[in-house]
């Protein structure tokens, strides 16, 4: 899905999430790391991280898919240049 980005915006953000899924009868404990973004403000990235943390809280007590989330927000200064 395309995102609107201000052409003058030189700073972009992403969320890096580390998800640890607890062991259960079917599988051992496992850890995944993935990134989401880009976002044009740190607030957008923070909301996405909060979403994942709240989902992890709701998973507590599930016998099939209980997990925890640790994450961080990263920023990058972008230098746009024409490609064509």
PDB file of N, CA and C in Angstrom:
ATOM      1  N   UNK A   1       0.841  -1.165   0.000  1.00  0.00           N
ATOM      2  CA  UNK A   1       0.000   0.000   0.000  1.00  0.00           C
ATOM      3  C   UNK A   1       0.894   1.237   0.000  1.00  0.00           C
ATOM      4  N   UNK A   2       0.688   2.140  -0.923  1.00  0.00           N
ATOM      5  CA  UNK A   2       1.512   3.348  -0.961  1.00  0.00           C
ATOM      6  C   UNK A   2       1.216   4.267   0.226  1.00  0.00           C
ATOM      7  N   UNK A   3       2.228   4.983   0.644  1.00  0.00           N
ATOM      8  CA  UNK A   3       2.086   5.957   1.724  1.00  0.00           C
ATOM      9  C   UNK A   3       2.433   7.332   1.177  1.00  0.00           C
ATOM     10  N   UNK A   4       1.716   8.342   1.643  1.00  0.00           N
ATOM     11  CA  UNK A   4       2.054   9.709   1.273  1.00  0.00           C
ATOM     12  C   UNK A   4       3.259  10.142   2.103  1.00  0.00           C
ATOM     13  N   UNK A   5       4.258  10.689   1.418  1.00  0.00           N
ATOM     14  CA  UNK A   5       5.431  11.232   2.101  1.00  0.00           C
ATOM     15  C   UNK A   5       5.690  12.631   1.561  1.00  0.00           C
ATOM     16  N   UNK A   6       5.838  13.553   2.456  1.00  0.00           N
ATOM     17  CA  UNK A   6       6.154  14.922   2.069  1.00  0.00           C
ATOM     18  C   UNK A   6       7.499  14.922   1.344  1.00  0.00           C
ATOM     19  N   UNK A   7       7.571  15.498   0.146  1.00  0.00           N
ATOM     20  CA  UNK A   7       8.837  15.495  -0.592  1.00  0.00           C
ATOM     21  C   UNK A   7       9.986  16.181   0.143  1.00  0.00           C
ATOM     22  N   UNK A   8       9.666  17.068   1.071  1.00  0.00           N
ATOM     23  CA  UNK A   8      10.711  17.765   1.813  1.00  0.00           C
ATOM     24  C   UNK A   8      11.134  17.018   3.076  1.00  0.00           C
ATOM     25  N   UNK A   9      10.408  15.954   3.405  1.00  0.00           N
ATOM     26  CA  UNK A   9      10.727  15.189   4.613  1.00  0.00           C
ATOM     27  C   UNK A   9      12.024  14.419   4.394  1.00  0.00           C
ATOM     28  N   UNK A  10      12.998  14.664   5.226  1.00  0.00           N
ATOM     29  CA  UNK A  10      14.301  14.014   5.096  1.00  0.00           C
ATOM     30  C   UNK A  10      14.508  12.930   6.145  1.00  0.00           C
ATOM     31  N   UNK A  11      13.529  12.714   7.015  1.00  0.00           N
ATOM     32  CA  UNK A  11      13.686  11.741   8.106  1.00  0.00           C
ATOM     33  C   UNK A  11      12.567  10.707   8.013  1.00  0.00           C
ATOM     34  N   UNK A  12      12.947   9.440   8.043  1.00  0.00           N
ATOM     35  CA  UNK A  12      11.990   8.340   8.044  1.00  0.00           C
ATOM     36  C   UNK A  12      12.261   7.448   9.252  1.00  0.00           C
ATOM     37  N   UNK A  13      11.236   6.710   9.676  1.00  0.00           N
ATOM     38  CA  UNK A  13      11.326   5.868  10.863  1.00  0.00           C
ATOM     39  C   UNK A  13      10.840   4.465  10.537  1.00  0.00           C
ATOM     40  N   UNK A  14      11.349   3.501  11.288  1.00  0.00           N
ATOM     41  CA  UNK A  14      10.842   2.140  11.195  1.00  0.00           C
ATOM     42  C   UNK A  14      10.824   1.531  12.587  1.00  0.00           C
ATOM     43  N   UNK A  15      10.047   0.482  12.737  1.00  0.00           N
ATOM     44  CA  UNK A  15       9.954  -0.255  13.985  1.00  0.00           C
ATOM     45  C   UNK A  15      10.653  -1.591  13.781  1.00  0.00           C
ATOM     46  N   UNK A  16      11.581  -1.933  14.671  1.00  0.00           N
ATOM     47  CA  UNK A  16      12.234  -3.238  14.650  1.00  0.00           C
ATOM     48  C   UNK A  16      11.695  -4.007  15.848  1.00  0.00           C
ATOM     49  N   UNK A  17      11.063  -5.146  15.576  1.00  0.00           N
ATOM     50  CA  UNK A  17      10.371  -5.918  16.600  1.00  0.00           C
ATOM     51  C   UNK A  17      11.026  -7.286  16.744  1.00  0.00           C
ATOM     52  N   UNK A  18      11.275  -7.681  17.979  1.00  0.00           N
ATOM     53  CA  UNK A  18      11.752  -9.026  18.283  1.00  0.00           C
ATOM     54  C   UNK A  18      10.641  -9.717  19.064  1.00  0.00           C
ATOM     55  N   UNK A  19      10.127 -10.778  18.482  1.00  0.00           N
ATOM     56  CA  UNK A  19       9.000 -11.517  19.046  1.00  0.00           C
ATOM     57  C   UNK A  19       9.506 -12.887  19.501  1.00  0.00           C
ATOM     58  N   UNK A  20       9.297 -13.219  20.765  1.00  0.00           N
ATOM     59  CA  UNK A  20       9.701 -14.515  21.314  1.00  0.00           C
ATOM     60  C   UNK A  20       8.440 -15.300  21.647  1.00  0.00           C
ATOM     61  N   UNK A  21       8.276 -16.414  20.954  1.00  0.00           N
ATOM     62  CA  UNK A  21       7.103 -17.269  21.145  1.00  0.00           C
ATOM     63  C   UNK A  21       7.484 -18.375  22.123  1.00  0.00           C
ATOM     64  N   UNK A  22       6.678 -18.528  23.158  1.00  0.00           N
ATOM     65  CA  UNK A  22       6.946 -19.531  24.186  1.00  0.00           C
ATOM     66  C   UNK A  22       6.821 -20.940  23.621  1.00  0.00           C
ATOM     67  N   UNK A  23       7.556 -21.857  24.223  1.00  0.00           N
ATOM     68  CA  UNK A  23       7.468 -23.266  23.839  1.00  0.00           C
ATOM     69  C   UNK A  23       6.083 -23.791  24.198  1.00  0.00           C
ATOM     70  N   UNK A  24       5.603 -24.738  23.401  1.00  0.00           N
ATOM     71  CA  UNK A  24       4.359 -25.427  23.728  1.00  0.00           C
ATOM     72  C   UNK A  24       4.512 -26.900  23.360  1.00  0.00           C
ATOM     73  N   UNK A  25       3.443 -27.622  23.375  1.00  0.00           N
ATOM     74  CA  UNK A  25       3.486 -29.060  23.098  1.00  0.00           C
ATOM     75  C   UNK A  25       4.013 -29.334  21.692  1.00  0.00           C
ATOM     76  N   UNK A  26       3.753 -28.416  20.776  1.00  0.00           N
ATOM     77  CA  UNK A  26       4.058 -28.652  19.366  1.00  0.00           C
ATOM     78  C   UNK A  26       5.430 -28.146  18.918  1.00  0.00           C
ATOM     79  N   UNK A  27       5.917 -27.076  19.535  1.00  0.00           N
ATOM     80  CA  UNK A  27       7.163 -26.465  19.056  1.00  0.00           C
ATOM     81  C   UNK A  27       7.987 -25.921  20.215  1.00  0.00           C
ATOM     82  N   UNK A  28       9.319 -25.868  20.028  1.00  0.00           N
ATOM     83  CA  UNK A  28      10.168 -25.256  21.061  1.00  0.00           C
ATOM     84  C   UNK A  28      10.061 -23.724  20.999  1.00  0.00           C
ATOM     85  N   UNK A  29      10.643 -23.060  21.985  1.00  0.00           N
ATOM     86  CA  UNK A  29      10.665 -21.590  21.967  1.00  0.00           C
ATOM     87  C   UNK A  29      11.392 -21.102  20.716  1.00  0.00           C
ATOM     88  N   UNK A  30      10.903 -20.025  20.137  1.00  0.00           N
ATOM     89  CA  UNK A  30      11.527 -19.478  18.932  1.00  0.00           C
ATOM     90  C   UNK A  30      11.428 -17.953  18.953  1.00  0.00           C
ATOM     91  N   UNK A  31      12.374 -17.327  18.262  1.00  0.00           N
ATOM     92  CA  UNK A  31      12.454 -15.866  18.228  1.00  0.00           C
ATOM     93  C   UNK A  31      12.493 -15.389  16.775  1.00  0.00           C
ATOM     94  N   UNK A  32      11.705 -14.358  16.492  1.00  0.00           N
ATOM     95  CA  UNK A  32      11.664 -13.733  15.170  1.00  0.00           C
ATOM     96  C   UNK A  32      12.004 -12.259  15.317  1.00  0.00           C
ATOM     97  N   UNK A  33      12.737 -11.725  14.366  1.00  0.00           N
ATOM     98  CA  UNK A  33      12.987 -10.281  14.309  1.00  0.00           C
ATOM     99  C   UNK A  33      12.542  -9.789  12.943  1.00  0.00           C
ATOM    100  N   UNK A  34      11.750  -8.712  12.935  1.00  0.00           N
ATOM    101  CA  UNK A  34      11.286  -8.144  11.675  1.00  0.00           C
ATOM    102  C   UNK A  34      11.114  -6.639  11.824  1.00  0.00           C
ATOM    103  N   UNK A  35      11.021  -5.952  10.692  1.00  0.00           N
ATOM    104  CA  UNK A  35      10.885  -4.492  10.689  1.00  0.00           C
ATOM    105  C   UNK A  35       9.613  -4.107   9.939  1.00  0.00           C
ATOM    106  N   UNK A  36       9.008  -3.007  10.370  1.00  0.00           N
ATOM    107  CA  UNK A  36       7.843  -2.435   9.695  1.00  0.00           C
ATOM    108  C   UNK A  36       8.108  -0.968   9.422  1.00  0.00           C
ATOM    109  N   UNK A  37       7.609  -0.491   8.325  1.00  0.00           N
ATOM    110  CA  UNK A  37       7.771   0.909   7.965  1.00  0.00           C
ATOM    111  C   UNK A  37       7.978   1.029   6.474  1.00  0.00           C
ATOM    112  N   UNK A  38       8.351   2.165   5.970  1.00  0.00           N
ATOM    113  CA  UNK A  38       8.756   3.375   6.703  1.00  0.00           C
ATOM    114  C   UNK A  38       7.561   4.206   7.156  1.00  0.00           C
ATOM    115  N   UNK A  39       7.782   4.978   8.196  1.00  0.00           N
ATOM    116  CA  UNK A  39       6.803   5.918   8.718  1.00  0.00           C
ATOM    117  C   UNK A  39       7.416   7.310   8.660  1.00  0.00           C
ATOM    118  N   UNK A  40       6.563   8.312   8.509  1.00  0.00           N
ATOM    119  CA  UNK A  40       7.070   9.681   8.373  1.00  0.00           C
ATOM    120  C   UNK A  40       7.228  10.395   9.709  1.00  0.00           C
ATOM    121  N   UNK A  41       6.661   9.836  10.777  1.00  0.00           N
ATOM    122  CA  UNK A  41       6.845  10.433  12.108  1.00  0.00           C
ATOM    123  C   UNK A  41       7.181   9.333  13.111  1.00  0.00           C
ATOM    124  N   UNK A  42       7.872   9.714  14.166  1.00  0.00           N
ATOM    125  CA  UNK A  42       8.196   8.756  15.229  1.00  0.00           C
ATOM    126  C   UNK A  42       6.923   8.302  15.938  1.00  0.00           C
ATOM    127  N   UNK A  43       5.924   9.168  15.999  1.00  0.00           N
ATOM    128  CA  UNK A  43       4.654   8.822  16.646  1.00  0.00           C
ATOM    129  C   UNK A  43       3.942   7.667  15.947  1.00  0.00           C
ATOM    130  N   UNK A  44       3.956   7.663  14.620  1.00  0.00           N
ATOM    131  CA  UNK A  44       3.347   6.560  13.879  1.00  0.00           C
ATOM    132  C   UNK A  44       4.055   5.250  14.201  1.00  0.00           C
ATOM    133  N   UNK A  45       5.370   5.289  14.234  1.00  0.00           N
ATOM    134  CA  UNK A  45       6.150   4.092  14.552  1.00  0.00           C
ATOM    135  C   UNK A  45       5.877   3.641  15.984  1.00  0.00           C
ATOM    136  N   UNK A  46       5.764   4.566  16.912  1.00  0.00           N
ATOM    137  CA  UNK A  46       5.492   4.231  18.308  1.00  0.00           C
ATOM    138  C   UNK A  46       4.127   3.562  18.451  1.00  0.00           C
ATOM    139  N   UNK A  47       3.129   4.054  17.725  1.00  0.00           N
ATOM    140  CA  UNK A  47       1.805   3.445  17.782  1.00  0.00           C
ATOM    141  C   UNK A  47       1.834   2.006  17.283  1.00  0.00           C
ATOM    142  N   UNK A  48       2.624   1.759  16.246  1.00  0.00           N
ATOM    143  CA  UNK A  48       2.724   0.389  15.715  1.00  0.00           C
ATOM    144  C   UNK A  48       3.410  -0.531  16.725  1.00  0.00           C
ATOM    145  N   UNK A  49       4.442  -0.037  17.378  1.00  0.00           N
ATOM    146  CA  UNK A  49       5.119  -0.820  18.409  1.00  0.00           C
ATOM    147  C   UNK A  49       4.156  -1.107  19.564  1.00  0.00           C
ATOM    148  N   UNK A  50       3.388  -0.110  19.976  1.00  0.00           N
ATOM    149  CA  UNK A  50       2.400  -0.300  21.048  1.00  0.00           C
ATOM    150  C   UNK A  50       1.378  -1.359  20.670  1.00  0.00           C
ATOM    151  N   UNK A  51       0.957  -1.366  19.409  1.00  0.00           N
ATOM    152  CA  UNK A  51       0.009  -2.376  18.940  1.00  0.00           C
ATOM    153  C   UNK A  51       0.570  -3.783  19.167  1.00  0.00           C
ATOM    154  N   UNK A  52       1.815  -3.998  18.783  1.00  0.00           N
ATOM    155  CA  UNK A  52       2.428  -5.322  18.942  1.00  0.00           C
ATOM    156  C   UNK A  52       2.595  -5.687  20.420  1.00  0.00           C
ATOM    157  N   UNK A  53       2.954  -4.717  21.248  1.00  0.00           N
ATOM    158  CA  UNK A  53       3.112  -4.985  22.678  1.00  0.00           C
ATOM    159  C   UNK A  53       1.772  -5.337  23.322  1.00  0.00           C
ATOM    160  N   UNK A  54       0.703  -4.641  22.936  1.00  0.00           N
ATOM    161  CA  UNK A  54      -0.621  -4.931  23.481  1.00  0.00           C
ATOM    162  C   UNK A  54      -1.119  -6.292  23.010  1.00  0.00           C
ATOM    163  N   UNK A  55      -0.822  -6.655  21.774  1.00  0.00           N
ATOM    164  CA  UNK A  55      -1.197  -7.984  21.269  1.00  0.00           C
ATOM    165  C   UNK A  55      -0.488  -9.069  22.065  1.00  0.00           C
ATOM    166  N   UNK A  56       0.775  -8.835  22.395  1.00  0.00           N
ATOM    167  CA  UNK A  56       1.535  -9.805  23.190  1.00  0.00           C
ATOM    168  C   UNK A  56       0.925  -9.951  24.582  1.00  0.00           C
ATOM    169  N   UNK A  57       0.482  -8.854  25.174  1.00  0.00           N
ATOM    170  CA  UNK A  57      -0.152  -8.914  26.491  1.00  0.00           C
ATOM    171  C   UNK A  57      -1.433  -9.746  26.440  1.00  0.00           C
ATOM    172  N   UNK A  58      -2.208  -9.597  25.355  1.00  0.00           N
ATOM    173  CA  UNK A  58      -3.441 -10.365  25.213  1.00  0.00           C
ATOM    174  C   UNK A  58      -3.168 -11.862  25.018  1.00  0.00           C
ATOM    175  N   UNK A  59      -1.985 -12.214  24.512  1.00  0.00           N
ATOM    176  CA  UNK A  59      -1.664 -13.623  24.267  1.00  0.00           C
ATOM    177  C   UNK A  59      -1.295 -14.372  25.541  1.00  0.00           C
ATOM    178  N   UNK A  60      -1.046 -13.651  26.622  1.00  0.00           N
ATOM    179  CA  UNK A  60      -0.619 -14.297  27.867  1.00  0.00           C
ATOM    180  C   UNK A  60      -1.716 -15.243  28.361  1.00  0.00           C
ATOM    181  N   UNK A  61      -1.306 -16.455  28.726  1.00  0.00           N
ATOM    182  CA  UNK A  61      -2.253 -17.446  29.213  1.00  0.00           C
ATOM    183  C   UNK A  61      -2.771 -18.380  28.135  1.00  0.00           C
ATOM    184  N   UNK A  62      -2.461 -18.109  26.878  1.00  0.00           N
ATOM    185  CA  UNK A  62      -2.893 -18.989  25.795  1.00  0.00           C
ATOM    186  C   UNK A  62      -2.028 -20.250  25.776  1.00  0.00           C
ATOM    187  N   UNK A  63      -2.643 -21.420  25.729  1.00  0.00           N
ATOM    188  CA  UNK A  63      -1.832 -22.646  25.712  1.00  0.00           C
ATOM    189  C   UNK A  63      -1.183 -22.913  24.353  1.00  0.00           C
ATOM    190  N   UNK A  64      -1.594 -22.187  23.318  1.00  0.00           N
ATOM    191  CA  UNK A  64      -1.102 -22.473  21.975  1.00  0.00           C
ATOM    192  C   UNK A  64      -0.108 -21.442  21.443  1.00  0.00           C
ATOM    193  N   UNK A  65      -0.311 -20.178  21.773  1.00  0.00           N
ATOM    194  CA  UNK A  65       0.511 -19.144  21.135  1.00  0.00           C
ATOM    195  C   UNK A  65       0.711 -17.986  22.093  1.00  0.00           C
ATOM    196  N   UNK A  66       1.567 -18.171  23.079  1.00  0.00           N
ATOM    197  CA  UNK A  66       1.898 -17.116  24.033  1.00  0.00           C
ATOM    198  C   UNK A  66       3.244 -16.530  23.631  1.00  0.00           C
ATOM    199  N   UNK A  67       3.348 -15.192  23.597  1.00  0.00           N
ATOM    200  CA  UNK A  67       4.597 -14.578  23.159  1.00  0.00           C
ATOM    201  C   UNK A  67       4.834 -13.243  23.844  1.00  0.00           C
ATOM    202  N   UNK A  68       6.075 -12.801  23.770  1.00  0.00           N
ATOM    203  CA  UNK A  68       6.461 -11.486  24.271  1.00  0.00           C
ATOM    204  C   UNK A  68       7.069 -10.694  23.116  1.00  0.00           C
ATOM    205  N   UNK A  69       7.072  -9.378  23.270  1.00  0.00           N
ATOM    206  CA  UNK A  69       7.585  -8.491  22.222  1.00  0.00           C
ATOM    207  C   UNK A  69       8.548  -7.495  22.847  1.00  0.00           C
ATOM    208  N   UNK A  70       9.677  -7.315  22.184  1.00  0.00           N
ATOM    209  CA  UNK A  70      10.620  -6.262  22.528  1.00  0.00           C
ATOM    210  C   UNK A  70      10.857  -5.499  21.233  1.00  0.00           C
ATOM    211  N   UNK A  71      10.934  -4.195  21.301  1.00  0.00           N
ATOM    212  CA  UNK A  71      11.099  -3.459  20.057  1.00  0.00           C
ATOM    213  C   UNK A  71      11.782  -2.129  20.256  1.00  0.00           C
ATOM    214  N   UNK A  72      12.139  -1.546  19.136  1.00  0.00           N
ATOM    215  CA  UNK A  72      12.776  -0.222  19.152  1.00  0.00           C
ATOM    216  C   UNK A  72      12.360   0.526  17.886  1.00  0.00           C
ATOM    217  N   UNK A  73      12.514   1.827  17.943  1.00  0.00           N
ATOM    218  CA  UNK A  73      12.232   2.682  16.790  1.00  0.00           C
ATOM    219  C   UNK A  73      13.566   3.197  16.266  1.00  0.00           C
ATOM    220  N   UNK A  74      13.755   3.082  14.975  1.00  0.00           N
ATOM    221  CA  UNK A  74      14.979   3.568  14.335  1.00  0.00           C
ATOM    222  C   UNK A  74      14.616   4.680  13.361  1.00  0.00           C
ATOM    223  N   UNK A  75      15.512   5.642  13.220  1.00  0.00           N
ATOM    224  CA  UNK A  75      15.323   6.743  12.282  1.00  0.00           C
ATOM    225  C   UNK A  75      16.454   6.800  11.279  1.00  0.00           C
ATOM    226  N   UNK A  76      16.148   7.324  10.121  1.00  0.00           N
ATOM    227  CA  UNK A  76      17.173   7.466   9.084  1.00  0.00           C
ATOM    228  C   UNK A  76      16.984   8.798   8.383  1.00  0.00           C
ATOM    229  N   UNK A  77      18.088   9.466   8.108  1.00  0.00           N
ATOM    230  CA  UNK A  77      18.061  10.677   7.289  1.00  0.00           C
ATOM    231  C   UNK A  77      18.212  10.244   5.844  1.00  0.00           C
ATOM    232  N   UNK A  78      17.293  10.708   5.011  1.00  0.00           N
ATOM    233  CA  UNK A  78      17.221  10.251   3.626  1.00  0.00           C
ATOM    234  C   UNK A  78      17.645  11.371   2.687  1.00  0.00           C
ATOM    235  N   UNK A  79      18.429  11.016   1.692  1.00  0.00           N
ATOM    236  CA  UNK A  79      18.789  11.949   0.623  1.00  0.00           C
ATOM    237  C   UNK A  79      18.136  11.453  -0.657  1.00  0.00           C
ATOM    238  N   UNK A  80      17.055  12.085  -1.056  1.00  0.00           N
ATOM    239  CA  UNK A  80      16.335  11.663  -2.251  1.00  0.00           C
ATOM    240  C   UNK A  80      17.057  12.112  -3.499  1.00  0.00           C
ATOM    241  N   UNK A  81      17.084  11.250  -4.521  1.00  0.00           N
ATOM    242  CA  UNK A  81      17.680  11.620  -5.802  1.00  0.00           C
ATOM    243  C   UNK A  81      16.890  10.953  -6.913  1.00  0.00           C
ATOM    244  N   UNK A  82      16.822  11.584  -8.087  1.00  0.00           N
ATOM    245  CA  UNK A  82      16.063  10.989  -9.197  1.00  0.00           C
ATOM    246  C   UNK A  82      16.757   9.729  -9.722  1.00  0.00           C
ATOM    247  N   UNK A  83      15.959   8.730 -10.042  1.00  0.00           N
ATOM    248  CA  UNK A  83      16.497   7.492 -10.589  1.00  0.00           C
ATOM    249  C   UNK A  83      16.334   7.415 -12.100  1.00  0.00           C
ATOM    250  N   UNK A  84      15.350   8.086 -12.615  1.00  0.00           N
ATOM    251  CA  UNK A  84      15.095   8.037 -14.069  1.00  0.00           C
ATOM    252  C   UNK A  84      15.321   9.399 -14.700  1.00  0.00           C
TER     253      UNK A  84
END
